[in-house]
N, C-alpha and C. Protein backbone atom coordinates (compact mmCIF):
# COMPACT_ATOMS: atom_id res chain seq x y z
N MET A 1 4.65 10.88 21.12
CA MET A 1 5.63 11.35 20.15
C MET A 1 6.10 10.22 19.24
N LYS A 2 6.36 9.08 19.86
CA LYS A 2 6.83 7.93 19.09
C LYS A 2 5.79 7.50 18.05
N LYS A 3 4.53 7.51 18.50
CA LYS A 3 3.44 7.12 17.59
C LYS A 3 3.39 8.03 16.38
N LEU A 4 3.54 9.33 16.64
CA LEU A 4 3.52 10.30 15.54
C LEU A 4 4.64 10.01 14.54
N LEU A 5 5.83 9.77 15.08
CA LEU A 5 6.97 9.47 14.21
C LEU A 5 6.70 8.23 13.37
N GLU A 6 6.17 7.21 14.02
CA GLU A 6 5.86 5.96 13.30
C GLU A 6 4.86 6.22 12.18
N ARG A 7 3.84 7.00 12.49
CA ARG A 7 2.82 7.29 11.48
C ARG A 7 3.41 8.05 10.30
N ALA A 8 4.27 9.04 10.62
CA ALA A 8 4.91 9.83 9.57
C ALA A 8 5.77 8.93 8.68
N LYS A 9 6.52 8.04 9.32
CA LYS A 9 7.39 7.14 8.57
C LYS A 9 6.56 6.25 7.64
N ARG A 10 5.45 5.73 8.21
CA ARG A 10 4.60 4.82 7.45
C ARG A 10 4.00 5.54 6.24
N SER A 11 3.50 6.76 6.48
CA SER A 11 2.85 7.48 5.40
C SER A 11 3.85 7.80 4.28
N ARG A 12 5.10 8.11 4.70
CA ARG A 12 6.12 8.39 3.70
C ARG A 12 6.38 7.15 2.85
N LYS A 13 6.43 6.00 3.52
CA LYS A 13 6.67 4.74 2.82
C LYS A 13 5.54 4.45 1.84
N THR A 14 4.30 4.62 2.31
CA THR A 14 3.16 4.33 1.43
C THR A 14 3.13 5.30 0.26
N GLN A 15 3.49 6.55 0.51
CA GLN A 15 3.54 7.52 -0.58
C GLN A 15 4.51 7.06 -1.65
N ARG A 16 5.70 6.63 -1.19
CA ARG A 16 6.73 6.17 -2.11
C ARG A 16 6.23 4.98 -2.93
N LEU A 17 5.61 4.01 -2.23
CA LEU A 17 5.11 2.83 -2.91
C LEU A 17 4.04 3.20 -3.93
N ARG A 18 3.16 4.12 -3.54
CA ARG A 18 2.10 4.53 -4.45
C ARG A 18 2.69 5.19 -5.70
N GLN A 19 3.74 6.01 -5.48
CA GLN A 19 4.40 6.67 -6.60
C GLN A 19 4.97 5.64 -7.56
N LEU A 20 5.66 4.64 -7.00
CA LEU A 20 6.26 3.60 -7.84
C LEU A 20 5.18 2.84 -8.60
N LEU A 21 4.10 2.53 -7.91
CA LEU A 21 3.00 1.81 -8.56
C LEU A 21 2.42 2.63 -9.71
N ASP A 22 2.22 3.92 -9.45
CA ASP A 22 1.68 4.79 -10.49
C ASP A 22 2.59 4.78 -11.71
N ARG A 23 3.90 4.88 -11.47
CA ARG A 23 4.85 4.91 -12.58
C ARG A 23 4.79 3.60 -13.37
N ALA A 24 4.71 2.48 -12.65
CA ALA A 24 4.66 1.18 -13.31
C ALA A 24 3.40 1.09 -14.17
N LEU A 25 2.28 1.53 -13.61
CA LEU A 25 1.01 1.48 -14.34
C LEU A 25 1.08 2.36 -15.59
N ASP A 26 1.68 3.53 -15.44
CA ASP A 26 1.84 4.41 -16.60
C ASP A 26 2.63 3.72 -17.70
N GLY A 27 3.71 3.06 -17.30
CA GLY A 27 4.54 2.34 -18.27
C GLY A 27 3.72 1.28 -19.00
N VAL A 28 2.94 0.53 -18.24
CA VAL A 28 2.11 -0.53 -18.84
C VAL A 28 1.09 0.08 -19.80
N ARG A 29 0.48 1.17 -19.36
CA ARG A 29 -0.52 1.82 -20.19
C ARG A 29 0.09 2.32 -21.50
N ASP A 30 1.27 2.94 -21.40
CA ASP A 30 1.97 3.41 -22.60
C ASP A 30 2.26 2.25 -23.54
N ALA A 31 2.76 1.17 -22.98
CA ALA A 31 3.11 0.01 -23.79
C ALA A 31 1.88 -0.52 -24.52
N LEU A 32 0.75 -0.58 -23.81
CA LEU A 32 -0.47 -1.10 -24.43
C LEU A 32 -0.99 -0.15 -25.50
N ALA A 33 -0.85 1.15 -25.24
CA ALA A 33 -1.40 2.14 -26.17
C ALA A 33 -0.63 2.16 -27.49
N SER A 34 0.71 2.06 -27.41
CA SER A 34 1.52 2.22 -28.61
C SER A 34 1.98 0.89 -29.19
N GLY A 35 1.41 -0.19 -28.74
CA GLY A 35 1.78 -1.49 -29.28
C GLY A 35 3.11 -1.96 -28.73
N PRO A 36 3.58 -3.13 -29.20
CA PRO A 36 4.85 -3.68 -28.69
C PRO A 36 6.04 -2.81 -29.06
N ARG A 37 6.90 -2.56 -28.09
CA ARG A 37 8.11 -1.77 -28.35
C ARG A 37 9.32 -2.68 -28.28
N LEU A 38 10.37 -2.28 -29.00
CA LEU A 38 11.59 -3.07 -28.97
C LEU A 38 12.27 -2.95 -27.61
N GLN A 39 12.21 -1.74 -27.06
CA GLN A 39 12.91 -1.49 -25.81
C GLN A 39 11.91 -1.15 -24.71
N PRO A 40 11.98 -1.82 -23.58
CA PRO A 40 11.09 -1.45 -22.48
C PRO A 40 11.49 -0.11 -21.88
N VAL A 41 10.51 0.61 -21.36
CA VAL A 41 10.79 1.89 -20.75
C VAL A 41 11.51 1.67 -19.43
N PRO A 42 12.69 2.23 -19.28
CA PRO A 42 13.42 2.02 -18.03
C PRO A 42 12.77 2.76 -16.87
N VAL A 43 12.65 2.07 -15.76
CA VAL A 43 12.12 2.71 -14.55
C VAL A 43 13.24 2.74 -13.53
N ARG A 44 13.66 3.95 -13.22
CA ARG A 44 14.78 4.07 -12.28
C ARG A 44 14.25 4.14 -10.85
N VAL A 45 14.80 3.31 -10.00
CA VAL A 45 14.42 3.33 -8.60
C VAL A 45 15.68 3.57 -7.78
N LYS A 46 15.67 4.68 -7.07
CA LYS A 46 16.85 4.97 -6.25
C LYS A 46 16.70 4.26 -4.92
N ARG A 47 17.66 3.43 -4.59
CA ARG A 47 17.62 2.72 -3.32
C ARG A 47 18.56 3.41 -2.35
N ARG A 48 18.03 3.63 -1.16
CA ARG A 48 18.88 4.25 -0.14
C ARG A 48 19.62 3.17 0.63
N LYS A 49 20.92 3.36 0.78
CA LYS A 49 21.70 2.39 1.54
C LYS A 49 21.61 2.71 3.02
N GLY A 50 21.56 1.67 3.83
CA GLY A 50 21.52 1.94 5.26
C GLY A 50 20.74 0.92 6.04
């Protein structure tokens, strides 16, 4: 049971990281496609306290 919980937790973490990475890459791609922008695209990351 403990192993299953650990695996679930890990997969959730990796999913989150992958999502963040994808968003960052999208931002970079947009910036490269449309040339230099005055304002960088804000990326909001919600941090959970605890």
